[in-house]
Amino acid sequence: MAKPNTIQIKLESTAGTGFFYIAKKNPRTHTQKMEFRKYDPVARKHVVFRETKMK
């Protein structure tokens, strides 16, 4: 079988709460690190989430 094109990444909060989302990304089309403004329930506000590696 063929290997899937998408990889899983971790979007970690920049608020320092340790909260994270799991997302999928195609590294061939999205070469830069992903960055989203999403809701952090620990900080109870919208903050920037940046891509980090899964461990």
PDB file of N, CA and C in Angstrom:
ATOM      1  N   MET A   1       0.831  -1.185   0.000  1.00  0.00           N
ATOM      2  CA  MET A   1       0.000   0.000   0.000  1.00  0.00           C
ATOM      3  C   MET A   1       0.879   1.254   0.000  1.00  0.00           C
ATOM      4  N   ALA A   2       0.311   2.322  -0.518  1.00  0.00           N
ATOM      5  CA  ALA A   2       1.041   3.576  -0.598  1.00  0.00           C
ATOM      6  C   ALA A   2       1.025   4.289   0.759  1.00  0.00           C
ATOM      7  N   LYS A   3       2.060   5.062   0.988  1.00  0.00           N
ATOM      8  CA  LYS A   3       2.172   5.846   2.213  1.00  0.00           C
ATOM      9  C   LYS A   3       1.269   7.076   2.096  1.00  0.00           C
ATOM     10  N   PRO A   4       0.540   7.464   3.160  1.00  0.00           N
ATOM     11  CA  PRO A   4      -0.332   8.642   3.057  1.00  0.00           C
ATOM     12  C   PRO A   4       0.481   9.937   2.941  1.00  0.00           C
ATOM     13  N   ASN A   5      -0.091  10.910   2.242  1.00  0.00           N
ATOM     14  CA  ASN A   5       0.586  12.189   2.034  1.00  0.00           C
ATOM     15  C   ASN A   5       0.535  13.076   3.267  1.00  0.00           C
ATOM     16  N   THR A   6      -0.483  12.937   4.086  1.00  0.00           N
ATOM     17  CA  THR A   6      -0.647  13.836   5.223  1.00  0.00           C
ATOM     18  C   THR A   6       0.080  13.294   6.448  1.00  0.00           C
ATOM     19  N   ILE A   7       0.556  14.218   7.270  1.00  0.00           N
ATOM     20  CA  ILE A   7       1.173  13.863   8.543  1.00  0.00           C
ATOM     21  C   ILE A   7       0.404  14.559   9.657  1.00  0.00           C
ATOM     22  N   GLN A   8       0.464  14.013  10.861  1.00  0.00           N
ATOM     23  CA  GLN A   8      -0.184  14.647  11.995  1.00  0.00           C
ATOM     24  C   GLN A   8       0.790  15.608  12.652  1.00  0.00           C
ATOM     25  N   ILE A   9       0.275  16.779  13.028  1.00  0.00           N
ATOM     26  CA  ILE A   9       1.089  17.770  13.722  1.00  0.00           C
ATOM     27  C   ILE A   9       0.365  18.190  14.989  1.00  0.00           C
ATOM     28  N   LYS A  10       1.095  18.804  15.883  1.00  0.00           N
ATOM     29  CA  LYS A  10       0.535  19.288  17.141  1.00  0.00           C
ATOM     30  C   LYS A  10       0.543  20.808  17.095  1.00  0.00           C
ATOM     31  N   LEU A  11      -0.617  21.413  17.325  1.00  0.00           N
ATOM     32  CA  LEU A  11      -0.717  22.872  17.408  1.00  0.00           C
ATOM     33  C   LEU A  11      -0.756  23.227  18.886  1.00  0.00           C
ATOM     34  N   GLU A  12       0.336  23.826  19.386  1.00  0.00           N
ATOM     35  CA  GLU A  12       0.465  24.109  20.810  1.00  0.00           C
ATOM     36  C   GLU A  12       0.209  25.585  21.092  1.00  0.00           C
ATOM     37  N   SER A  13      -0.463  25.845  22.214  1.00  0.00           N
ATOM     38  CA  SER A  13      -0.829  27.199  22.600  1.00  0.00           C
ATOM     39  C   SER A  13       0.399  28.022  22.955  1.00  0.00           C
ATOM     40  N   THR A  14       0.391  29.297  22.533  1.00  0.00           N
ATOM     41  CA  THR A  14       1.483  30.198  22.884  1.00  0.00           C
ATOM     42  C   THR A  14       1.232  30.871  24.217  1.00  0.00           C
ATOM     43  N   ALA A  15       0.082  30.603  24.847  1.00  0.00           N
ATOM     44  CA  ALA A  15      -0.227  31.182  26.152  1.00  0.00           C
ATOM     45  C   ALA A  15       0.526  30.472  27.274  1.00  0.00           C
ATOM     46  N   GLY A  16       1.150  29.330  26.963  1.00  0.00           N
ATOM     47  CA  GLY A  16       1.924  28.621  27.962  1.00  0.00           C
ATOM     48  C   GLY A  16       1.099  27.728  28.872  1.00  0.00           C
ATOM     49  N   THR A  17      -0.122  27.400  28.455  1.00  0.00           N
ATOM     50  CA  THR A  17      -0.994  26.569  29.283  1.00  0.00           C
ATOM     51  C   THR A  17      -0.758  25.088  29.060  1.00  0.00           C
ATOM     52  N   GLY A  18      -0.095  24.712  27.968  1.00  0.00           N
ATOM     53  CA  GLY A  18       0.131  23.309  27.666  1.00  0.00           C
ATOM     54  C   GLY A  18      -0.985  22.677  26.859  1.00  0.00           C
ATOM     55  N   PHE A  19      -2.023  23.436  26.536  1.00  0.00           N
ATOM     56  CA  PHE A  19      -3.139  22.928  25.742  1.00  0.00           C
ATOM     57  C   PHE A  19      -2.715  22.837  24.282  1.00  0.00           C
ATOM     58  N   PHE A  20      -3.193  21.801  23.576  1.00  0.00           N
ATOM     59  CA  PHE A  20      -2.825  21.629  22.177  1.00  0.00           C
ATOM     60  C   PHE A  20      -3.967  20.986  21.403  1.00  0.00           C
ATOM     61  N   TYR A  21      -3.938  21.204  20.090  1.00  0.00           N
ATOM     62  CA  TYR A  21      -4.835  20.559  19.140  1.00  0.00           C
ATOM     63  C   TYR A  21      -3.993  19.647  18.259  1.00  0.00           C
ATOM     64  N   ILE A  22      -4.614  18.601  17.702  1.00  0.00           N
ATOM     65  CA  ILE A  22      -3.978  17.730  16.724  1.00  0.00           C
ATOM     66  C   ILE A  22      -4.583  18.053  15.361  1.00  0.00           C
ATOM     67  N   ALA A  23      -3.733  18.231  14.344  1.00  0.00           N
ATOM     68  CA  ALA A  23      -4.207  18.561  13.002  1.00  0.00           C
ATOM     69  C   ALA A  23      -3.426  17.740  11.982  1.00  0.00           C
ATOM     70  N   LYS A  24      -3.939  17.684  10.770  1.00  0.00           N
ATOM     71  CA  LYS A  24      -3.251  17.018   9.674  1.00  0.00           C
ATOM     72  C   LYS A  24      -2.727  18.062   8.707  1.00  0.00           C
ATOM     73  N   LYS A  25      -1.614  17.725   8.059  1.00  0.00           N
ATOM     74  CA  LYS A  25      -0.976  18.670   7.146  1.00  0.00           C
ATOM     75  C   LYS A  25      -0.312  17.889   6.025  1.00  0.00           C
ATOM     76  N   ASN A  26      -0.407  18.428   4.806  1.00  0.00           N
ATOM     77  CA  ASN A  26       0.311  17.865   3.670  1.00  0.00           C
ATOM     78  C   ASN A  26       1.615  18.656   3.539  1.00  0.00           C
ATOM     79  N   PRO A  27       2.761  18.041   3.864  1.00  0.00           N
ATOM     80  CA  PRO A  27       4.016  18.794   3.836  1.00  0.00           C
ATOM     81  C   PRO A  27       4.482  19.196   2.441  1.00  0.00           C
ATOM     82  N   ARG A  28       3.943  18.591   1.410  1.00  0.00           N
ATOM     83  CA  ARG A  28       4.323  18.994   0.054  1.00  0.00           C
ATOM     84  C   ARG A  28       3.702  20.335  -0.340  1.00  0.00           C
ATOM     85  N   THR A  29       2.473  20.592   0.105  1.00  0.00           N
ATOM     86  CA  THR A  29       1.806  21.834  -0.271  1.00  0.00           C
ATOM     87  C   THR A  29       1.979  22.932   0.772  1.00  0.00           C
ATOM     88  N   HIS A  30       2.099  22.580   2.046  1.00  0.00           N
ATOM     89  CA  HIS A  30       2.281  23.551   3.136  1.00  0.00           C
ATOM     90  C   HIS A  30       3.672  23.365   3.713  1.00  0.00           C
ATOM     91  N   THR A  31       4.633  24.098   3.175  1.00  0.00           N
ATOM     92  CA  THR A  31       6.017  23.915   3.601  1.00  0.00           C
ATOM     93  C   THR A  31       6.344  24.720   4.854  1.00  0.00           C
ATOM     94  N   GLN A  32       5.620  25.818   5.107  1.00  0.00           N
ATOM     95  CA  GLN A  32       5.873  26.619   6.301  1.00  0.00           C
ATOM     96  C   GLN A  32       5.180  25.993   7.508  1.00  0.00           C
ATOM     97  N   LYS A  33       5.567  26.446   8.697  1.00  0.00           N
ATOM     98  CA  LYS A  33       4.905  25.980   9.909  1.00  0.00           C
ATOM     99  C   LYS A  33       3.526  26.627   9.993  1.00  0.00           C
ATOM    100  N   MET A  34       2.538  25.826  10.402  1.00  0.00           N
ATOM    101  CA  MET A  34       1.167  26.320  10.486  1.00  0.00           C
ATOM    102  C   MET A  34       0.987  27.148  11.749  1.00  0.00           C
ATOM    103  N   GLU A  35       0.108  28.150  11.654  1.00  0.00           N
ATOM    104  CA  GLU A  35      -0.176  29.027  12.776  1.00  0.00           C
ATOM    105  C   GLU A  35      -1.639  29.438  12.687  1.00  0.00           C
ATOM    106  N   PHE A  36      -2.392  29.184  13.742  1.00  0.00           N
ATOM    107  CA  PHE A  36      -3.813  29.508  13.771  1.00  0.00           C
ATOM    108  C   PHE A  36      -4.150  30.263  15.033  1.00  0.00           C
ATOM    109  N   ARG A  37      -5.224  31.021  14.980  1.00  0.00           N
ATOM    110  CA  ARG A  37      -5.760  31.679  16.171  1.00  0.00           C
ATOM    111  C   ARG A  37      -6.994  30.894  16.566  1.00  0.00           C
ATOM    112  N   LYS A  38      -6.882  30.144  17.673  1.00  0.00           N
ATOM    113  CA  LYS A  38      -7.952  29.258  18.115  1.00  0.00           C
ATOM    114  C   LYS A  38      -8.218  29.493  19.594  1.00  0.00           C
ATOM    115  N   TYR A  39      -9.271  28.838  20.093  1.00  0.00           N
ATOM    116  CA  TYR A  39      -9.688  29.005  21.481  1.00  0.00           C
ATOM    117  C   TYR A  39      -8.886  28.101  22.407  1.00  0.00           C
ATOM    118  N   ASP A  40      -8.366  28.669  23.479  1.00  0.00           N
ATOM    119  CA  ASP A  40      -7.670  27.909  24.518  1.00  0.00           C
ATOM    120  C   ASP A  40      -8.584  27.866  25.744  1.00  0.00           C
ATOM    121  N   PRO A  41      -9.167  26.696  26.064  1.00  0.00           N
ATOM    122  CA  PRO A  41     -10.106  26.619  27.184  1.00  0.00           C
ATOM    123  C   PRO A  41      -9.441  26.796  28.549  1.00  0.00           C
ATOM    124  N   VAL A  42      -8.136  26.557  28.651  1.00  0.00           N
ATOM    125  CA  VAL A  42      -7.452  26.746  29.929  1.00  0.00           C
ATOM    126  C   VAL A  42      -7.289  28.244  30.211  1.00  0.00           C
ATOM    127  N   ALA A  43      -6.881  28.996  29.191  1.00  0.00           N
ATOM    128  CA  ALA A  43      -6.733  30.443  29.333  1.00  0.00           C
ATOM    129  C   ALA A  43      -8.069  31.161  29.157  1.00  0.00           C
ATOM    130  N   ARG A  44      -9.055  30.458  28.618  1.00  0.00           N
ATOM    131  CA  ARG A  44     -10.413  30.966  28.367  1.00  0.00           C
ATOM    132  C   ARG A  44     -10.411  32.188  27.447  1.00  0.00           C
ATOM    133  N   LYS A  45      -9.598  32.120  26.370  1.00  0.00           N
ATOM    134  CA  LYS A  45      -9.591  33.168  25.350  1.00  0.00           C
ATOM    135  C   LYS A  45      -8.948  32.625  24.086  1.00  0.00           C
ATOM    136  N   HIS A  46      -9.053  33.368  23.003  1.00  0.00           N
ATOM    137  CA  HIS A  46      -8.432  32.988  21.740  1.00  0.00           C
ATOM    138  C   HIS A  46      -6.964  33.414  21.763  1.00  0.00           C
ATOM    139  N   VAL A  47      -6.093  32.474  21.409  1.00  0.00           N
ATOM    140  CA  VAL A  47      -4.661  32.745  21.353  1.00  0.00           C
ATOM    141  C   VAL A  47      -4.101  32.110  20.084  1.00  0.00           C
ATOM    142  N   VAL A  48      -2.847  32.413  19.781  1.00  0.00           N
ATOM    143  CA  VAL A  48      -2.186  31.845  18.606  1.00  0.00           C
ATOM    144  C   VAL A  48      -1.662  30.444  18.965  1.00  0.00           C
ATOM    145  N   PHE A  49      -1.909  29.502  18.078  1.00  0.00           N
ATOM    146  CA  PHE A  49      -1.415  28.138  18.214  1.00  0.00           C
ATOM    147  C   PHE A  49      -0.397  27.915  17.110  1.00  0.00           C
ATOM    148  N   ARG A  50       0.810  27.438  17.477  1.00  0.00           N
ATOM    149  CA  ARG A  50       1.873  27.192  16.493  1.00  0.00           C
ATOM    150  C   ARG A  50       2.168  25.708  16.390  1.00  0.00           C
ATOM    151  N   GLU A  51       2.622  25.337  15.231  1.00  0.00           N
ATOM    152  CA  GLU A  51       2.931  23.927  14.949  1.00  0.00           C
ATOM    153  C   GLU A  51       4.196  23.491  15.686  1.00  0.00           C
ATOM    154  N   THR A  52       4.103  22.330  16.333  1.00  0.00           N
ATOM    155  CA  THR A  52       5.271  21.689  16.938  1.00  0.00           C
ATOM    156  C   THR A  52       5.257  20.219  16.501  1.00  0.00           C
ATOM    157  N   LYS A  53       6.364  19.527  16.734  1.00  0.00           N
ATOM    158  CA  LYS A  53       6.445  18.124  16.342  1.00  0.00           C
ATOM    159  C   LYS A  53       5.709  17.247  17.342  1.00  0.00           C
ATOM    160  N   MET A  54       5.158  16.138  16.828  1.00  0.00           N
ATOM    161  CA  MET A  54       4.539  15.132  17.680  1.00  0.00           C
ATOM    162  C   MET A  54       5.653  14.285  18.274  1.00  0.00           C
ATOM    163  N   LYS A  55       5.496  13.892  19.535  1.00  0.00           N
ATOM    164  CA  LYS A  55       6.511  13.041  20.181  1.00  0.00           C
ATOM    165  C   LYS A  55       6.001  11.640  20.331  1.00  0.00           C
TER     166      LYS A  55
END
